Amino acid sequence: MSGIIWVIIVGFIAGIIARLLSPGPNNPSGFILTTVLGIAGAFLATFIGQAIGHYGPDQGAGFITATIGALVVLFIWNRLVARGVMSDPGAR
């Protein structure tokens, strides 16, 4: 149970840092979307790291690579919203 809480905390912090490094009008906001952003970044970083042999099968991404992964996810999010592929849930 503490592992899940740790993933949520690290995901939230990585999501906050990614949003601060890449400000823009299309950023997902709120606690849940920021946490999902960070967790998705960690999963992306782990997948890429394992694919290129940087991490072993039982290792996960670190905090810095999770933040970089969150930046990549945020960039993809912004490009999809800018192209009109998906709507921005934060737009009013």
PDB file of N, CA and C in Angstrom:
ATOM      1  N   MET A   1       0.821  -1.193   0.000  1.00  0.00           N
ATOM      2  CA  MET A   1       0.000   0.000   0.000  1.00  0.00           C
ATOM      3  C   MET A   1       0.864   1.256   0.000  1.00  0.00           C
ATOM      4  N   SER A   2       1.972   1.227   0.729  1.00  0.00           N
ATOM      5  CA  SER A   2       2.828   2.408   0.769  1.00  0.00           C
ATOM      6  C   SER A   2       3.499   2.657  -0.578  1.00  0.00           C
ATOM      7  N   GLY A   3       3.687   1.604  -1.378  1.00  0.00           N
ATOM      8  CA  GLY A   3       4.258   1.767  -2.716  1.00  0.00           C
ATOM      9  C   GLY A   3       3.350   2.570  -3.623  1.00  0.00           C
ATOM     10  N   ILE A   4       2.052   2.348  -3.528  1.00  0.00           N
ATOM     11  CA  ILE A   4       1.083   3.083  -4.343  1.00  0.00           C
ATOM     12  C   ILE A   4       1.054   4.555  -3.919  1.00  0.00           C
ATOM     13  N   ILE A   5       1.088   4.796  -2.635  1.00  0.00           N
ATOM     14  CA  ILE A   5       1.095   6.175  -2.146  1.00  0.00           C
ATOM     15  C   ILE A   5       2.364   6.880  -2.605  1.00  0.00           C
ATOM     16  N   TRP A   6       3.501   6.177  -2.570  1.00  0.00           N
ATOM     17  CA  TRP A   6       4.758   6.762  -3.025  1.00  0.00           C
ATOM     18  C   TRP A   6       4.698   7.113  -4.506  1.00  0.00           C
ATOM     19  N   VAL A   7       4.108   6.240  -5.328  1.00  0.00           N
ATOM     20  CA  VAL A   7       3.962   6.505  -6.761  1.00  0.00           C
ATOM     21  C   VAL A   7       3.099   7.742  -6.985  1.00  0.00           C
ATOM     22  N   ILE A   8       2.025   7.890  -6.227  1.00  0.00           N
ATOM     23  CA  ILE A   8       1.143   9.052  -6.361  1.00  0.00           C
ATOM     24  C   ILE A   8       1.880  10.330  -5.974  1.00  0.00           C
ATOM     25  N   ILE A   9       2.646  10.282  -4.885  1.00  0.00           N
ATOM     26  CA  ILE A   9       3.375  11.478  -4.441  1.00  0.00           C
ATOM     27  C   ILE A   9       4.437  11.869  -5.458  1.00  0.00           C
ATOM     28  N   VAL A  10       5.232  10.910  -5.922  1.00  0.00           N
ATOM     29  CA  VAL A  10       6.277  11.206  -6.908  1.00  0.00           C
ATOM     30  C   VAL A  10       5.647  11.665  -8.221  1.00  0.00           C
ATOM     31  N   GLY A  11       4.546  11.036  -8.632  1.00  0.00           N
ATOM     32  CA  GLY A  11       3.847  11.449  -9.842  1.00  0.00           C
ATOM     33  C   GLY A  11       3.331  12.863  -9.745  1.00  0.00           C
ATOM     34  N   PHE A  12       2.793  13.230  -8.594  1.00  0.00           N
ATOM     35  CA  PHE A  12       2.282  14.586  -8.404  1.00  0.00           C
ATOM     36  C   PHE A  12       3.409  15.610  -8.469  1.00  0.00           C
ATOM     37  N   ILE A  13       4.521  15.326  -7.804  1.00  0.00           N
ATOM     38  CA  ILE A  13       5.649  16.269  -7.807  1.00  0.00           C
ATOM     39  C   ILE A  13       6.242  16.377  -9.205  1.00  0.00           C
ATOM     40  N   ALA A  14       6.402  15.246  -9.908  1.00  0.00           N
ATOM     41  CA  ALA A  14       6.919  15.283 -11.280  1.00  0.00           C
ATOM     42  C   ALA A  14       5.962  16.050 -12.193  1.00  0.00           C
ATOM     43  N   GLY A  15       4.662  15.887 -12.005  1.00  0.00           N
ATOM     44  CA  GLY A  15       3.669  16.619 -12.791  1.00  0.00           C
ATOM     45  C   GLY A  15       3.722  18.114 -12.533  1.00  0.00           C
ATOM     46  N   ILE A  16       3.906  18.505 -11.269  1.00  0.00           N
ATOM     47  CA  ILE A  16       4.008  19.927 -10.938  1.00  0.00           C
ATOM     48  C   ILE A  16       5.246  20.536 -11.591  1.00  0.00           C
ATOM     49  N   ILE A  17       6.375  19.851 -11.487  1.00  0.00           N
ATOM     50  CA  ILE A  17       7.609  20.380 -12.074  1.00  0.00           C
ATOM     51  C   ILE A  17       7.478  20.472 -13.588  1.00  0.00           C
ATOM     52  N   ALA A  18       6.876  19.463 -14.213  1.00  0.00           N
ATOM     53  CA  ALA A  18       6.689  19.504 -15.664  1.00  0.00           C
ATOM     54  C   ALA A  18       5.788  20.669 -16.066  1.00  0.00           C
ATOM     55  N   ARG A  19       4.725  20.918 -15.301  1.00  0.00           N
ATOM     56  CA  ARG A  19       3.837  22.047 -15.614  1.00  0.00           C
ATOM     57  C   ARG A  19       4.540  23.380 -15.419  1.00  0.00           C
ATOM     58  N   LEU A  20       5.434  23.473 -14.436  1.00  0.00           N
ATOM     59  CA  LEU A  20       6.171  24.713 -14.214  1.00  0.00           C
ATOM     60  C   LEU A  20       7.204  24.959 -15.310  1.00  0.00           C
ATOM     61  N   LEU A  21       7.826  23.888 -15.809  1.00  0.00           N
ATOM     62  CA  LEU A  21       8.834  24.024 -16.855  1.00  0.00           C
ATOM     63  C   LEU A  21       8.220  24.269 -18.226  1.00  0.00           C
ATOM     64  N   SER A  22       6.967  23.905 -18.404  1.00  0.00           N
ATOM     65  CA  SER A  22       6.307  24.066 -19.693  1.00  0.00           C
ATOM     66  C   SER A  22       4.964  24.760 -19.511  1.00  0.00           C
ATOM     67  N   PRO A  23       4.976  26.041 -19.161  1.00  0.00           N
ATOM     68  CA  PRO A  23       3.690  26.716 -18.956  1.00  0.00           C
ATOM     69  C   PRO A  23       2.993  26.965 -20.285  1.00  0.00           C
ATOM     70  N   GLY A  24       1.707  26.974 -20.234  1.00  0.00           N
ATOM     71  CA  GLY A  24       0.923  27.229 -21.434  1.00  0.00           C
ATOM     72  C   GLY A  24      -0.549  27.176 -21.114  1.00  0.00           C
ATOM     73  N   PRO A  25      -1.367  27.623 -22.029  1.00  0.00           N
ATOM     74  CA  PRO A  25      -2.799  27.671 -21.763  1.00  0.00           C
ATOM     75  C   PRO A  25      -3.481  26.304 -21.800  1.00  0.00           C
ATOM     76  N   ASN A  26      -2.813  25.301 -22.352  1.00  0.00           N
ATOM     77  CA  ASN A  26      -3.462  23.996 -22.512  1.00  0.00           C
ATOM     78  C   ASN A  26      -3.013  22.974 -21.485  1.00  0.00           C
ATOM     79  N   ASN A  27      -2.385  23.412 -20.400  1.00  0.00           N
ATOM     80  CA  ASN A  27      -1.915  22.479 -19.397  1.00  0.00           C
ATOM     81  C   ASN A  27      -3.085  21.854 -18.662  1.00  0.00           C
ATOM     82  N   PRO A  28      -3.023  20.548 -18.429  1.00  0.00           N
ATOM     83  CA  PRO A  28      -4.052  19.948 -17.573  1.00  0.00           C
ATOM     84  C   PRO A  28      -3.860  20.468 -16.150  1.00  0.00           C
ATOM     85  N   SER A  29      -4.935  20.855 -15.506  1.00  0.00           N
ATOM     86  CA  SER A  29      -4.802  21.421 -14.170  1.00  0.00           C
ATOM     87  C   SER A  29      -5.585  20.585 -13.178  1.00  0.00           C
ATOM     88  N   GLY A  30      -5.332  20.828 -11.932  1.00  0.00           N
ATOM     89  CA  GLY A  30      -5.986  20.098 -10.871  1.00  0.00           C
ATOM     90  C   GLY A  30      -5.088  18.994 -10.339  1.00  0.00           C
ATOM     91  N   PHE A  31      -5.390  18.553  -9.129  1.00  0.00           N
ATOM     92  CA  PHE A  31      -4.571  17.541  -8.462  1.00  0.00           C
ATOM     93  C   PHE A  31      -4.546  16.231  -9.236  1.00  0.00           C
ATOM     94  N   ILE A  32      -5.699  15.767  -9.660  1.00  0.00           N
ATOM     95  CA  ILE A  32      -5.777  14.455 -10.311  1.00  0.00           C
ATOM     96  C   ILE A  32      -5.073  14.461 -11.662  1.00  0.00           C
ATOM     97  N   LEU A  33      -5.327  15.475 -12.499  1.00  0.00           N
ATOM     98  CA  LEU A  33      -4.683  15.515 -13.811  1.00  0.00           C
ATOM     99  C   LEU A  33      -3.178  15.738 -13.703  1.00  0.00           C
ATOM    100  N   THR A  34      -2.743  16.508 -12.724  1.00  0.00           N
ATOM    101  CA  THR A  34      -1.312  16.705 -12.519  1.00  0.00           C
ATOM    102  C   THR A  34      -0.656  15.401 -12.081  1.00  0.00           C
ATOM    103  N   THR A  35      -1.307  14.662 -11.199  1.00  0.00           N
ATOM    104  CA  THR A  35      -0.784  13.379 -10.746  1.00  0.00           C
ATOM    105  C   THR A  35      -0.750  12.381 -11.895  1.00  0.00           C
ATOM    106  N   VAL A  36      -1.812  12.326 -12.686  1.00  0.00           N
ATOM    107  CA  VAL A  36      -1.847  11.422 -13.839  1.00  0.00           C
ATOM    108  C   VAL A  36      -0.749  11.780 -14.835  1.00  0.00           C
ATOM    109  N   LEU A  37      -0.517  13.072 -15.026  1.00  0.00           N
ATOM    110  CA  LEU A  37       0.555  13.529 -15.912  1.00  0.00           C
ATOM    111  C   LEU A  37       1.906  12.994 -15.442  1.00  0.00           C
ATOM    112  N   GLY A  38       2.197  13.133 -14.163  1.00  0.00           N
ATOM    113  CA  GLY A  38       3.463  12.654 -13.619  1.00  0.00           C
ATOM    114  C   GLY A  38       3.593  11.140 -13.677  1.00  0.00           C
ATOM    115  N   ILE A  39       2.515  10.419 -13.367  1.00  0.00           N
ATOM    116  CA  ILE A  39       2.551   8.959 -13.416  1.00  0.00           C
ATOM    117  C   ILE A  39       2.706   8.477 -14.848  1.00  0.00           C
ATOM    118  N   ALA A  40       2.005   9.107 -15.777  1.00  0.00           N
ATOM    119  CA  ALA A  40       2.157   8.738 -17.194  1.00  0.00           C
ATOM    120  C   ALA A  40       3.584   9.010 -17.664  1.00  0.00           C
ATOM    121  N   GLY A  41       4.184  10.101 -17.217  1.00  0.00           N
ATOM    122  CA  GLY A  41       5.566  10.401 -17.554  1.00  0.00           C
ATOM    123  C   GLY A  41       6.522   9.354 -17.002  1.00  0.00           C
ATOM    124  N   ALA A  42       6.255   8.892 -15.786  1.00  0.00           N
ATOM    125  CA  ALA A  42       7.099   7.853 -15.186  1.00  0.00           C
ATOM    126  C   ALA A  42       6.974   6.543 -15.957  1.00  0.00           C
ATOM    127  N   PHE A  43       5.752   6.185 -16.353  1.00  0.00           N
ATOM    128  CA  PHE A  43       5.565   4.972 -17.145  1.00  0.00           C
ATOM    129  C   PHE A  43       6.251   5.082 -18.500  1.00  0.00           C
ATOM    130  N   LEU A  44       6.140   6.233 -19.133  1.00  0.00           N
ATOM    131  CA  LEU A  44       6.798   6.445 -20.426  1.00  0.00           C
ATOM    132  C   LEU A  44       8.313   6.357 -20.277  1.00  0.00           C
ATOM    133  N   ALA A  45       8.863   7.002 -19.251  1.00  0.00           N
ATOM    134  CA  ALA A  45      10.303   6.964 -19.020  1.00  0.00           C
ATOM    135  C   ALA A  45      10.777   5.543 -18.704  1.00  0.00           C
ATOM    136  N   THR A  46      10.000   4.795 -17.924  1.00  0.00           N
ATOM    137  CA  THR A  46      10.359   3.412 -17.607  1.00  0.00           C
ATOM    138  C   THR A  46      10.338   2.557 -18.865  1.00  0.00           C
ATOM    139  N   PHE A  47       9.305   2.708 -19.679  1.00  0.00           N
ATOM    140  CA  PHE A  47       9.188   1.918 -20.913  1.00  0.00           C
ATOM    141  C   PHE A  47      10.356   2.191 -21.854  1.00  0.00           C
ATOM    142  N   ILE A  48      10.660   3.469 -22.079  1.00  0.00           N
ATOM    143  CA  ILE A  48      11.759   3.820 -22.981  1.00  0.00           C
ATOM    144  C   ILE A  48      13.096   3.369 -22.386  1.00  0.00           C
ATOM    145  N   GLY A  49      13.287   3.575 -21.099  1.00  0.00           N
ATOM    146  CA  GLY A  49      14.528   3.162 -20.447  1.00  0.00           C
ATOM    147  C   GLY A  49      14.752   1.660 -20.515  1.00  0.00           C
ATOM    148  N   GLN A  50      13.695   0.864 -20.349  1.00  0.00           N
ATOM    149  CA  GLN A  50      13.827  -0.580 -20.465  1.00  0.00           C
ATOM    150  C   GLN A  50      14.035  -1.005 -21.909  1.00  0.00           C
ATOM    151  N   ALA A  51      13.424  -0.286 -22.856  1.00  0.00           N
ATOM    152  CA  ALA A  51      13.569  -0.634 -24.272  1.00  0.00           C
ATOM    153  C   ALA A  51      14.998  -0.410 -24.765  1.00  0.00           C
ATOM    154  N   ILE A  52      15.662   0.624 -24.256  1.00  0.00           N
ATOM    155  CA  ILE A  52      17.029   0.883 -24.708  1.00  0.00           C
ATOM    156  C   ILE A  52      18.071   0.216 -23.802  1.00  0.00           C
ATOM    157  N   GLY A  53      17.629  -0.493 -22.779  1.00  0.00           N
ATOM    158  CA  GLY A  53      18.543  -1.239 -21.920  1.00  0.00           C
ATOM    159  C   GLY A  53      19.124  -0.452 -20.762  1.00  0.00           C
ATOM    160  N   HIS A  54      18.602   0.734 -20.494  1.00  0.00           N
ATOM    161  CA  HIS A  54      19.093   1.542 -19.378  1.00  0.00           C
ATOM    162  C   HIS A  54      18.601   0.997 -18.042  1.00  0.00           C
ATOM    163  N   TYR A  55      17.385   0.498 -18.018  1.00  0.00           N
ATOM    164  CA  TYR A  55      16.809  -0.101 -16.814  1.00  0.00           C
ATOM    165  C   TYR A  55      16.603  -1.590 -17.037  1.00  0.00           C
ATOM    166  N   GLY A  56      16.700  -2.342 -15.951  1.00  0.00           N
ATOM    167  CA  GLY A  56      16.412  -3.767 -16.010  1.00  0.00           C
ATOM    168  C   GLY A  56      14.911  -3.995 -15.979  1.00  0.00           C
ATOM    169  N   PRO A  57      14.493  -5.267 -16.144  1.00  0.00           N
ATOM    170  CA  PRO A  57      13.050  -5.568 -16.166  1.00  0.00           C
ATOM    171  C   PRO A  57      12.331  -5.227 -14.863  1.00  0.00           C
ATOM    172  N   ASP A  58      13.043  -5.212 -13.744  1.00  0.00           N
ATOM    173  CA  ASP A  58      12.404  -4.942 -12.460  1.00  0.00           C
ATOM    174  C   ASP A  58      12.696  -3.542 -11.933  1.00  0.00           C
ATOM    175  N   GLN A  59      13.287  -2.692 -12.764  1.00  0.00           N
ATOM    176  CA  GLN A  59      13.607  -1.332 -12.345  1.00  0.00           C
ATOM    177  C   GLN A  59      12.645  -0.330 -12.972  1.00  0.00           C
ATOM    178  N   GLY A  60      12.443   0.764 -12.272  1.00  0.00           N
ATOM    179  CA  GLY A  60      11.597   1.832 -12.777  1.00  0.00           C
ATOM    180  C   GLY A  60      12.390   3.100 -12.976  1.00  0.00           C
ATOM    181  N   ALA A  61      11.746   4.067 -13.557  1.00  0.00           N
ATOM    182  CA  ALA A  61      12.388   5.355 -13.809  1.00  0.00           C
ATOM    183  C   ALA A  61      12.609   6.095 -12.498  1.00  0.00           C
ATOM    184  N   GLY A  62      13.627   6.917 -12.481  1.00  0.00           N
ATOM    185  CA  GLY A  62      13.890   7.758 -11.326  1.00  0.00           C
ATOM    186  C   GLY A  62      13.065   9.035 -11.398  1.00  0.00           C
ATOM    187  N   PHE A  63      13.257   9.872 -10.408  1.00  0.00           N
ATOM    188  CA  PHE A  63      12.471  11.094 -10.315  1.00  0.00           C
ATOM    189  C   PHE A  63      12.744  12.042 -11.482  1.00  0.00           C
ATOM    190  N   ILE A  64      14.017  12.197 -11.847  1.00  0.00           N
ATOM    191  CA  ILE A  64      14.367  13.118 -12.929  1.00  0.00           C
ATOM    192  C   ILE A  64      13.821  12.614 -14.260  1.00  0.00           C
ATOM    193  N   THR A  65      13.974  11.335 -14.535  1.00  0.00           N
ATOM    194  CA  THR A  65      13.465  10.815 -15.809  1.00  0.00           C
ATOM    195  C   THR A  65      11.942  10.785 -15.828  1.00  0.00           C
ATOM    196  N   ALA A  66      11.310  10.637 -14.669  1.00  0.00           N
ATOM    197  CA  ALA A  66       9.847  10.730 -14.617  1.00  0.00           C
ATOM    198  C   ALA A  66       9.394  12.138 -14.963  1.00  0.00           C
ATOM    199  N   THR A  67      10.146  13.137 -14.507  1.00  0.00           N
ATOM    200  CA  THR A  67       9.822  14.523 -14.837  1.00  0.00           C
ATOM    201  C   THR A  67      10.018  14.782 -16.327  1.00  0.00           C
ATOM    202  N   ILE A  68      11.100  14.248 -16.900  1.00  0.00           N
ATOM    203  CA  ILE A  68      11.332  14.392 -18.339  1.00  0.00           C
ATOM    204  C   ILE A  68      10.220  13.688 -19.124  1.00  0.00           C
ATOM    205  N   GLY A  69       9.824  12.511 -18.666  1.00  0.00           N
ATOM    206  CA  GLY A  69       8.711  11.809 -19.312  1.00  0.00           C
ATOM    207  C   GLY A  69       7.416  12.597 -19.228  1.00  0.00           C
ATOM    208  N   ALA A  70       7.185  13.257 -18.079  1.00  0.00           N
ATOM    209  CA  ALA A  70       5.989  14.093 -17.932  1.00  0.00           C
ATOM    210  C   ALA A  70       6.042  15.287 -18.880  1.00  0.00           C
ATOM    211  N   LEU A  71       7.232  15.839 -19.099  1.00  0.00           N
ATOM    212  CA  LEU A  71       7.372  16.921 -20.074  1.00  0.00           C
ATOM    213  C   LEU A  71       7.032  16.442 -21.482  1.00  0.00           C
ATOM    214  N   VAL A  72       7.440  15.230 -21.823  1.00  0.00           N
ATOM    215  CA  VAL A  72       7.122  14.671 -23.143  1.00  0.00           C
ATOM    216  C   VAL A  72       5.616  14.458 -23.273  1.00  0.00           C
ATOM    217  N   VAL A  73       4.987  13.910 -22.229  1.00  0.00           N
ATOM    218  CA  VAL A  73       3.532  13.711 -22.251  1.00  0.00           C
ATOM    219  C   VAL A  73       2.816  15.050 -22.374  1.00  0.00           C
ATOM    220  N   LEU A  74       3.289  16.066 -21.661  1.00  0.00           N
ATOM    221  CA  LEU A  74       2.683  17.398 -21.730  1.00  0.00           C
ATOM    222  C   LEU A  74       2.850  18.009 -23.116  1.00  0.00           C
ATOM    223  N   PHE A  75       4.009  17.812 -23.740  1.00  0.00           N
ATOM    224  CA  PHE A  75       4.230  18.300 -25.094  1.00  0.00           C
ATOM    225  C   PHE A  75       3.256  17.634 -26.067  1.00  0.00           C
ATOM    226  N   ILE A  76       3.090  16.326 -25.959  1.00  0.00           N
ATOM    227  CA  ILE A  76       2.147  15.612 -26.829  1.00  0.00           C
ATOM    228  C   ILE A  76       0.728  16.115 -26.579  1.00  0.00           C
ATOM    229  N   TRP A  77       0.364  16.321 -25.323  1.00  0.00           N
ATOM    230  CA  TRP A  77      -0.957  16.854 -24.956  1.00  0.00           C
ATOM    231  C   TRP A  77      -1.191  18.199 -25.640  1.00  0.00           C
ATOM    232  N   ASN A  78      -0.195  19.093 -25.523  1.00  0.00           N
ATOM    233  CA  ASN A  78      -0.334  20.423 -26.113  1.00  0.00           C
ATOM    234  C   ASN A  78      -0.451  20.359 -27.631  1.00  0.00           C
ATOM    235  N   ARG A  79       0.282  19.489 -28.275  1.00  0.00           N
ATOM    236  CA  ARG A  79       0.205  19.349 -29.739  1.00  0.00           C
ATOM    237  C   ARG A  79      -1.152  18.806 -30.164  1.00  0.00           C
ATOM    238  N   LEU A  80      -1.710  17.859 -29.432  1.00  0.00           N
ATOM    239  CA  LEU A  80      -3.024  17.306 -29.782  1.00  0.00           C
ATOM    240  C   LEU A  80      -4.118  18.352 -29.609  1.00  0.00           C
ATOM    241  N   VAL A  81      -4.022  19.159 -28.559  1.00  0.00           N
ATOM    242  CA  VAL A  81      -5.017  20.217 -28.346  1.00  0.00           C
ATOM    243  C   VAL A  81      -4.862  21.295 -29.408  1.00  0.00           C
ATOM    244  N   ALA A  82      -3.613  21.666 -29.742  1.00  0.00           N
ATOM    245  CA  ALA A  82      -3.377  22.717 -30.731  1.00  0.00           C
ATOM    246  C   ALA A  82      -3.893  22.311 -32.111  1.00  0.00           C
ATOM    247  N   ARG A  83      -3.784  21.044 -32.442  1.00  0.00           N
ATOM    248  CA  ARG A  83      -4.269  20.569 -33.745  1.00  0.00           C
ATOM    249  C   ARG A  83      -5.777  20.338 -33.761  1.00  0.00           C
ATOM    250  N   GLY A  84      -6.389  20.357 -32.608  1.00  0.00           N
ATOM    251  CA  GLY A  84      -7.833  20.144 -32.553  1.00  0.00           C
ATOM    252  C   GLY A  84      -8.225  18.686 -32.539  1.00  0.00           C
ATOM    253  N   VAL A  85      -7.264  17.790 -32.331  1.00  0.00           N
ATOM    254  CA  VAL A  85      -7.558  16.368 -32.278  1.00  0.00           C
ATOM    255  C   VAL A  85      -8.411  16.052 -31.057  1.00  0.00           C
ATOM    256  N   MET A  86      -8.130  16.771 -29.968  1.00  0.00           N
ATOM    257  CA  MET A  86      -8.911  16.595 -28.750  1.00  0.00           C
ATOM    258  C   MET A  86      -9.188  17.982 -28.157  1.00  0.00           C
ATOM    259  N   SER A  87     -10.216  18.060 -27.362  1.00  0.00           N
ATOM    260  CA  SER A  87     -10.553  19.354 -26.770  1.00  0.00           C
ATOM    261  C   SER A  87      -9.854  19.479 -25.422  1.00  0.00           C
ATOM    262  N   ASP A  88      -9.621  20.701 -25.026  1.00  0.00           N
ATOM    263  CA  ASP A  88      -8.977  20.978 -23.740  1.00  0.00           C
ATOM    264  C   ASP A  88     -10.049  20.964 -22.658  1.00  0.00           C
ATOM    265  N   PRO A  89      -9.973  20.054 -21.692  1.00  0.00           N
ATOM    266  CA  PRO A  89     -11.002  20.009 -20.646  1.00  0.00           C
ATOM    267  C   PRO A  89     -10.966  21.226 -19.730  1.00  0.00           C
ATOM    268  N   GLY A  90      -9.850  21.981 -19.719  1.00  0.00           N
ATOM    269  CA  GLY A  90      -9.748  23.165 -18.878  1.00  0.00           C
ATOM    270  C   GLY A  90     -10.270  24.423 -19.534  1.00  0.00           C
ATOM    271  N   ALA A  91     -10.557  24.366 -20.836  1.00  0.00           N
ATOM    272  CA  ALA A  91     -11.051  25.555 -21.553  1.00  0.00           C
ATOM    273  C   ALA A  91     -12.502  25.822 -21.173  1.00  0.00           C
ATOM    274  N   ARG A  92     -12.815  27.098 -21.050  1.00  0.00           N
ATOM    275  CA  ARG A  92     -14.192  27.439 -20.651  1.00  0.00           C
ATOM    276  C   ARG A  92     -14.833  28.297 -21.682  1.00  0.00           C
TER     277      ARG A  92
END
